Amino acid sequence: MSSGEFRTWRKSMGLKQKDAAEVLGLKKRMIQYYEKGERDGKRVSIPKTVRLACYAVMQGIGDFDGNDVTPLSDDLRSSGDDDS
């Protein structure tokens, strides 16, 4: 998954950067690094765990505790997108 694909995923899910960070269990700053593709001039790769989490969120899975799957909460989906 490239940085552009990651950003496209987030926008297609209707998530702001802070919402994507919450859903993926990351800091907003990491979302920004992944979308930019670099941190302090060094290339940043999106880990397989994050790519798999993106896929799970696309499928409506918000969490997995070994017994149950819970769909992504509608309140995390944003109608607008203020993040660049």
N, C-alpha and C. Protein backbone atom coordinates (compact mmCIF):
# COMPACT_ATOMS: atom_id res chain seq x y z
N MET A 1 0.85 -1.17 0.00
CA MET A 1 0.00 0.00 0.00
C MET A 1 0.90 1.23 0.00
N SER A 2 0.71 2.07 -0.98
CA SER A 2 1.49 3.30 -1.07
C SER A 2 0.85 4.38 -0.19
N SER A 3 1.57 5.48 -0.02
CA SER A 3 1.02 6.58 0.77
C SER A 3 -0.25 7.13 0.13
N GLY A 4 -0.27 7.20 -1.18
CA GLY A 4 -1.46 7.66 -1.89
C GLY A 4 -2.64 6.72 -1.71
N GLU A 5 -2.37 5.43 -1.77
CA GLU A 5 -3.43 4.44 -1.57
C GLU A 5 -3.97 4.51 -0.14
N PHE A 6 -3.07 4.75 0.81
CA PHE A 6 -3.50 4.86 2.21
C PHE A 6 -4.44 6.06 2.38
N ARG A 7 -4.05 7.18 1.80
CA ARG A 7 -4.90 8.38 1.88
C ARG A 7 -6.24 8.15 1.19
N THR A 8 -6.20 7.50 0.03
CA THR A 8 -7.44 7.19 -0.69
C THR A 8 -8.33 6.29 0.15
N TRP A 9 -7.74 5.30 0.83
CA TRP A 9 -8.50 4.41 1.72
C TRP A 9 -9.21 5.24 2.80
N ARG A 10 -8.44 6.12 3.46
CA ARG A 10 -9.02 6.92 4.55
C ARG A 10 -10.18 7.76 4.05
N LYS A 11 -9.97 8.44 2.93
CA LYS A 11 -11.01 9.31 2.39
C LYS A 11 -12.23 8.50 1.94
N SER A 12 -12.00 7.33 1.36
CA SER A 12 -13.12 6.49 0.91
C SER A 12 -13.95 5.99 2.08
N MET A 13 -13.31 5.89 3.25
CA MET A 13 -14.02 5.47 4.45
C MET A 13 -14.71 6.65 5.13
N GLY A 14 -14.47 7.86 4.62
CA GLY A 14 -15.08 9.05 5.20
C GLY A 14 -14.50 9.42 6.55
N LEU A 15 -13.22 9.09 6.76
CA LEU A 15 -12.57 9.34 8.05
C LEU A 15 -11.63 10.53 7.98
N LYS A 16 -11.63 11.34 9.02
CA LYS A 16 -10.61 12.37 9.19
C LYS A 16 -9.36 11.66 9.70
N GLN A 17 -8.23 12.33 9.63
CA GLN A 17 -6.99 11.72 10.09
C GLN A 17 -7.09 11.27 11.55
N LYS A 18 -7.67 12.10 12.40
CA LYS A 18 -7.78 11.73 13.82
C LYS A 18 -8.68 10.52 14.01
N ASP A 19 -9.73 10.39 13.19
CA ASP A 19 -10.63 9.24 13.28
C ASP A 19 -9.94 7.97 12.78
N ALA A 20 -9.18 8.09 11.70
CA ALA A 20 -8.43 6.94 11.19
C ALA A 20 -7.42 6.47 12.23
N ALA A 21 -6.78 7.42 12.89
CA ALA A 21 -5.81 7.07 13.94
C ALA A 21 -6.50 6.29 15.05
N GLU A 22 -7.66 6.75 15.47
CA GLU A 22 -8.39 6.07 16.55
C GLU A 22 -8.81 4.66 16.13
N VAL A 23 -9.35 4.54 14.93
CA VAL A 23 -9.81 3.24 14.43
C VAL A 23 -8.66 2.25 14.30
N LEU A 24 -7.49 2.74 13.86
CA LEU A 24 -6.34 1.87 13.64
C LEU A 24 -5.46 1.72 14.88
N GLY A 25 -5.76 2.45 15.95
CA GLY A 25 -4.96 2.36 17.17
C GLY A 25 -3.61 3.04 17.04
N LEU A 26 -3.57 4.12 16.27
CA LEU A 26 -2.33 4.86 16.02
C LEU A 26 -2.48 6.31 16.48
N LYS A 27 -1.38 7.03 16.48
CA LYS A 27 -1.39 8.47 16.73
C LYS A 27 -1.70 9.17 15.40
N LYS A 28 -2.35 10.33 15.48
CA LYS A 28 -2.66 11.09 14.28
C LYS A 28 -1.39 11.39 13.49
N ARG A 29 -0.30 11.64 14.19
CA ARG A 29 0.97 11.97 13.52
C ARG A 29 1.42 10.82 12.61
N MET A 30 1.20 9.57 13.03
CA MET A 30 1.58 8.42 12.19
C MET A 30 0.74 8.38 10.92
N ILE A 31 -0.53 8.72 11.04
CA ILE A 31 -1.38 8.78 9.86
C ILE A 31 -0.81 9.81 8.88
N GLN A 32 -0.38 10.94 9.42
CA GLN A 32 0.20 11.99 8.58
C GLN A 32 1.49 11.51 7.92
N TYR A 33 2.33 10.80 8.65
CA TYR A 33 3.57 10.26 8.07
C TYR A 33 3.25 9.25 6.97
N TYR A 34 2.30 8.36 7.22
CA TYR A 34 1.93 7.36 6.21
C TYR A 34 1.40 8.03 4.95
N GLU A 35 0.60 9.07 5.11
CA GLU A 35 0.05 9.75 3.94
C GLU A 35 1.11 10.55 3.19
N LYS A 36 2.05 11.09 3.90
CA LYS A 36 3.13 11.85 3.26
C LYS A 36 4.16 10.90 2.65
N GLY A 37 4.33 9.72 3.26
CA GLY A 37 5.29 8.75 2.76
C GLY A 37 6.69 8.96 3.28
N GLU A 38 6.84 9.91 4.21
CA GLU A 38 8.16 10.16 4.77
C GLU A 38 8.05 10.80 6.14
N ARG A 39 9.14 10.68 6.88
CA ARG A 39 9.27 11.31 8.20
C ARG A 39 10.69 11.83 8.31
N ASP A 40 10.83 13.12 8.53
CA ASP A 40 12.15 13.76 8.63
C ASP A 40 13.04 13.42 7.44
N GLY A 41 12.44 13.40 6.25
CA GLY A 41 13.20 13.15 5.03
C GLY A 41 13.48 11.69 4.74
N LYS A 42 13.03 10.79 5.61
CA LYS A 42 13.25 9.35 5.41
C LYS A 42 11.93 8.70 5.02
N ARG A 43 12.03 7.74 4.10
CA ARG A 43 10.85 7.03 3.62
C ARG A 43 10.17 6.27 4.76
N VAL A 44 8.86 6.31 4.78
CA VAL A 44 8.07 5.58 5.77
C VAL A 44 7.23 4.55 5.03
N SER A 45 7.38 3.30 5.41
CA SER A 45 6.57 2.23 4.84
C SER A 45 5.38 1.95 5.75
N ILE A 46 4.28 1.58 5.16
CA ILE A 46 3.10 1.24 5.95
C ILE A 46 3.20 -0.25 6.30
N PRO A 47 3.27 -0.57 7.60
CA PRO A 47 3.45 -1.96 8.01
C PRO A 47 2.28 -2.86 7.60
N LYS A 48 2.57 -4.12 7.45
CA LYS A 48 1.54 -5.09 7.07
C LYS A 48 0.39 -5.09 8.07
N THR A 49 0.69 -4.92 9.35
CA THR A 49 -0.37 -4.91 10.36
C THR A 49 -1.35 -3.76 10.11
N VAL A 50 -0.84 -2.62 9.70
CA VAL A 50 -1.71 -1.47 9.41
C VAL A 50 -2.50 -1.73 8.14
N ARG A 51 -1.85 -2.30 7.13
CA ARG A 51 -2.56 -2.62 5.88
C ARG A 51 -3.70 -3.59 6.14
N LEU A 52 -3.44 -4.60 6.97
CA LEU A 52 -4.49 -5.57 7.31
C LEU A 52 -5.61 -4.91 8.11
N ALA A 53 -5.23 -4.01 9.02
CA ALA A 53 -6.24 -3.29 9.80
C ALA A 53 -7.12 -2.44 8.88
N CYS A 54 -6.52 -1.81 7.89
CA CYS A 54 -7.30 -1.02 6.92
C CYS A 54 -8.32 -1.91 6.22
N TYR A 55 -7.90 -3.09 5.83
CA TYR A 55 -8.80 -4.03 5.16
C TYR A 55 -9.94 -4.43 6.11
N ALA A 56 -9.60 -4.71 7.36
CA ALA A 56 -10.62 -5.09 8.34
C ALA A 56 -11.65 -3.98 8.51
N VAL A 57 -11.19 -2.75 8.61
CA VAL A 57 -12.09 -1.61 8.76
C VAL A 57 -12.99 -1.48 7.53
N MET A 58 -12.42 -1.71 6.34
CA MET A 58 -13.22 -1.68 5.11
C MET A 58 -14.34 -2.72 5.15
N GLN A 59 -14.08 -3.84 5.82
CA GLN A 59 -15.07 -4.91 5.91
C GLN A 59 -16.07 -4.67 7.04
N GLY A 60 -15.90 -3.56 7.77
CA GLY A 60 -16.83 -3.23 8.85
C GLY A 60 -16.44 -3.79 10.20
N ILE A 61 -15.22 -4.28 10.30
CA ILE A 61 -14.76 -4.85 11.56
C ILE A 61 -14.01 -3.78 12.34
N GLY A 62 -14.51 -3.44 13.52
CA GLY A 62 -13.88 -2.41 14.33
C GLY A 62 -12.97 -2.97 15.40
N ASP A 63 -13.20 -4.23 15.80
CA ASP A 63 -12.40 -4.84 16.86
C ASP A 63 -12.62 -6.34 16.84
N PHE A 64 -11.68 -7.07 17.37
CA PHE A 64 -11.80 -8.52 17.47
C PHE A 64 -11.18 -8.95 18.77
N ASP A 65 -12.00 -9.51 19.66
CA ASP A 65 -11.49 -9.91 20.97
C ASP A 65 -11.39 -11.42 21.12
N GLY A 66 -11.52 -12.13 20.03
CA GLY A 66 -11.45 -13.59 20.08
C GLY A 66 -12.81 -14.25 20.10
N ASN A 67 -13.85 -13.51 20.45
CA ASN A 67 -15.19 -14.06 20.53
C ASN A 67 -16.19 -13.35 19.63
N ASP A 68 -15.93 -12.11 19.30
CA ASP A 68 -16.93 -11.30 18.63
C ASP A 68 -16.27 -10.27 17.73
N VAL A 69 -16.95 -9.91 16.67
CA VAL A 69 -16.51 -8.79 15.85
C VAL A 69 -17.56 -7.70 15.95
N THR A 70 -17.12 -6.47 16.05
CA THR A 70 -18.01 -5.33 16.19
C THR A 70 -17.84 -4.42 14.99
N PRO A 71 -18.93 -4.05 14.33
CA PRO A 71 -18.79 -3.16 13.17
C PRO A 71 -18.25 -1.79 13.57
N LEU A 72 -17.63 -1.14 12.63
CA LEU A 72 -17.11 0.21 12.83
C LEU A 72 -18.26 1.14 13.19
N SER A 73 -18.07 1.89 14.24
CA SER A 73 -19.10 2.82 14.71
C SER A 73 -19.35 3.92 13.69
N ASP A 74 -20.61 4.21 13.41
CA ASP A 74 -20.97 5.26 12.46
C ASP A 74 -20.51 6.63 12.92
N ASP A 75 -20.36 6.83 14.25
CA ASP A 75 -19.96 8.15 14.72
C ASP A 75 -18.51 8.47 14.38
N LEU A 76 -17.71 7.48 13.97
CA LEU A 76 -16.35 7.75 13.55
C LEU A 76 -16.26 8.13 12.08
N ARG A 77 -17.32 7.88 11.35
CA ARG A 77 -17.34 8.25 9.93
C ARG A 77 -17.72 9.73 9.84
N SER A 78 -16.95 10.46 9.10
CA SER A 78 -17.17 11.90 8.97
C SER A 78 -17.76 12.22 7.61
N SER A 79 -18.65 13.17 7.59
CA SER A 79 -19.20 13.57 6.29
C SER A 79 -18.25 14.50 5.56
N GLY A 80 -17.48 15.30 6.29
CA GLY A 80 -16.52 16.20 5.68
C GLY A 80 -15.11 15.76 6.01
N ASP A 81 -14.14 16.42 5.41
CA ASP A 81 -12.75 16.06 5.65
C ASP A 81 -11.93 17.33 5.74
N ASP A 82 -11.53 17.68 6.95
CA ASP A 82 -10.77 18.91 7.14
C ASP A 82 -9.27 18.70 7.08
N ASP A 83 -8.82 17.44 7.05
CA ASP A 83 -7.39 17.15 7.04
C ASP A 83 -6.83 17.25 5.64
N SER A 84 -5.63 17.73 5.53
CA SER A 84 -5.01 17.83 4.21
C SER A 84 -4.20 16.61 3.90
